Amino acid sequence: MTYDLIGTIHKPTGVTLTDAEGFEYPDMVAIEGYHVNILELTPELEPFVVQVNTPSRKFAGRDDTIHLRFSDRAEWLSIGIEVEEETI
């Protein structure tokens, strides 16, 4: 299965901050959940599909990208598609 792990997505709050050197940058806030994009939908992933009006990431700009949101990385791993490698 082809998937793209995004993890946490951040969006601007509309507030502009200034760092110690005087450079301005947007204040960002995390969007709830652990995010993954896929190209093929399987039954076990259907409950995690979210509709996104302005996606922050797609597969090579493909409009058929399917966006998923899990409560956290552990929930994503529990599906069994990605297997976390054990460290020795």
Protein backbone atom coordinates (compact mmCIF):
# COMPACT_ATOMS: atom_id res chain seq x y z
CA MET A 1 0.00 0.00 0.00
CA THR A 2 1.22 3.48 -0.85
CA TYR A 3 1.03 5.90 2.07
CA ASP A 4 2.52 9.23 3.10
CA LEU A 5 3.08 9.80 6.80
CA ILE A 6 2.47 13.43 7.64
CA GLY A 7 2.09 13.28 11.41
CA THR A 8 1.19 16.63 12.92
CA ILE A 9 -0.13 19.35 10.63
CA HIS A 10 0.21 22.98 11.68
CA LYS A 11 -1.86 25.91 10.48
CA PRO A 12 -1.37 29.65 10.95
CA THR A 13 -3.41 31.37 13.65
CA GLY A 14 -3.42 34.71 11.86
CA VAL A 15 -1.02 36.23 14.40
CA THR A 16 2.42 37.41 13.29
CA LEU A 17 5.28 36.99 15.76
CA THR A 18 8.73 38.58 15.74
CA ASP A 19 11.89 36.74 16.76
CA ALA A 20 14.85 38.19 18.71
CA GLU A 21 16.52 39.30 15.47
CA GLY A 22 13.46 41.19 14.26
CA PHE A 23 12.27 38.64 11.69
CA GLU A 24 8.51 38.14 11.45
CA TYR A 25 6.92 34.70 11.21
CA PRO A 26 3.39 33.31 11.51
CA ASP A 27 2.20 31.86 14.80
CA MET A 28 1.18 28.24 14.15
CA VAL A 29 -1.13 25.83 15.96
CA ALA A 30 -1.28 22.03 15.63
CA ILE A 31 -4.36 20.46 14.05
CA GLU A 32 -5.63 17.62 16.23
CA GLY A 33 -4.61 14.08 15.26
CA TYR A 34 -1.95 12.09 13.41
CA HIS A 35 -2.31 12.50 9.66
CA VAL A 36 -1.62 10.02 6.84
CA ASN A 37 -2.38 10.18 3.12
CA ILE A 38 -3.07 7.08 1.01
CA LEU A 39 -3.99 6.24 -2.57
CA GLU A 40 -5.98 3.03 -2.05
CA LEU A 41 -8.80 2.82 0.51
CA THR A 42 -9.24 -0.47 2.36
CA PRO A 43 -12.16 -1.30 4.68
CA GLU A 44 -10.15 -0.97 7.91
CA LEU A 45 -9.17 2.59 6.96
CA GLU A 46 -12.67 3.86 6.09
CA PRO A 47 -13.44 5.10 9.66
CA PHE A 48 -10.39 7.39 9.52
CA VAL A 49 -11.16 9.19 6.24
CA VAL A 50 -11.55 12.97 6.57
CA GLN A 51 -12.74 15.41 3.95
CA VAL A 52 -10.22 18.21 3.45
CA ASN A 53 -11.10 21.39 1.54
CA THR A 54 -7.54 22.70 1.31
CA PRO A 55 -5.09 19.85 1.91
CA SER A 56 -1.61 20.78 3.07
CA ARG A 57 -0.15 17.81 1.17
CA LYS A 58 -1.18 15.46 -1.67
CA PHE A 59 0.59 12.75 -3.67
CA ALA A 60 2.28 14.69 -6.51
CA GLY A 61 -0.72 17.02 -6.60
CA ARG A 62 -3.09 14.11 -7.26
CA ASP A 63 -6.74 14.89 -6.59
CA ASP A 64 -7.41 11.24 -5.71
CA THR A 65 -5.32 11.44 -2.53
CA ILE A 66 -7.28 10.06 0.44
CA HIS A 67 -6.72 11.88 3.74
CA LEU A 68 -6.79 10.00 7.04
CA ARG A 69 -6.73 11.24 10.64
CA PHE A 70 -5.92 9.04 13.64
CA SER A 71 -5.92 10.06 17.30
CA ASP A 72 -2.15 9.43 17.47
CA ARG A 73 0.69 7.44 15.88
CA ALA A 74 -0.10 4.38 18.02
CA GLU A 75 -3.60 4.19 16.56
CA TRP A 76 -2.13 4.35 13.02
CA LEU A 77 0.38 1.59 13.86
CA SER A 78 -2.42 -0.57 15.33
CA ILE A 79 -3.91 -0.90 11.82
CA GLY A 80 -0.82 -2.95 10.85
CA ILE A 81 0.07 -1.26 7.56
CA GLU A 82 3.28 0.28 8.85
CA VAL A 83 5.41 -1.84 11.14
CA GLU A 84 7.64 0.11 13.49
CA GLU A 85 11.15 -1.30 13.51
CA GLU A 86 12.53 -2.45 16.83
CA THR A 87 15.75 -0.83 17.97
CA ILE A 88 18.48 -3.05 19.34
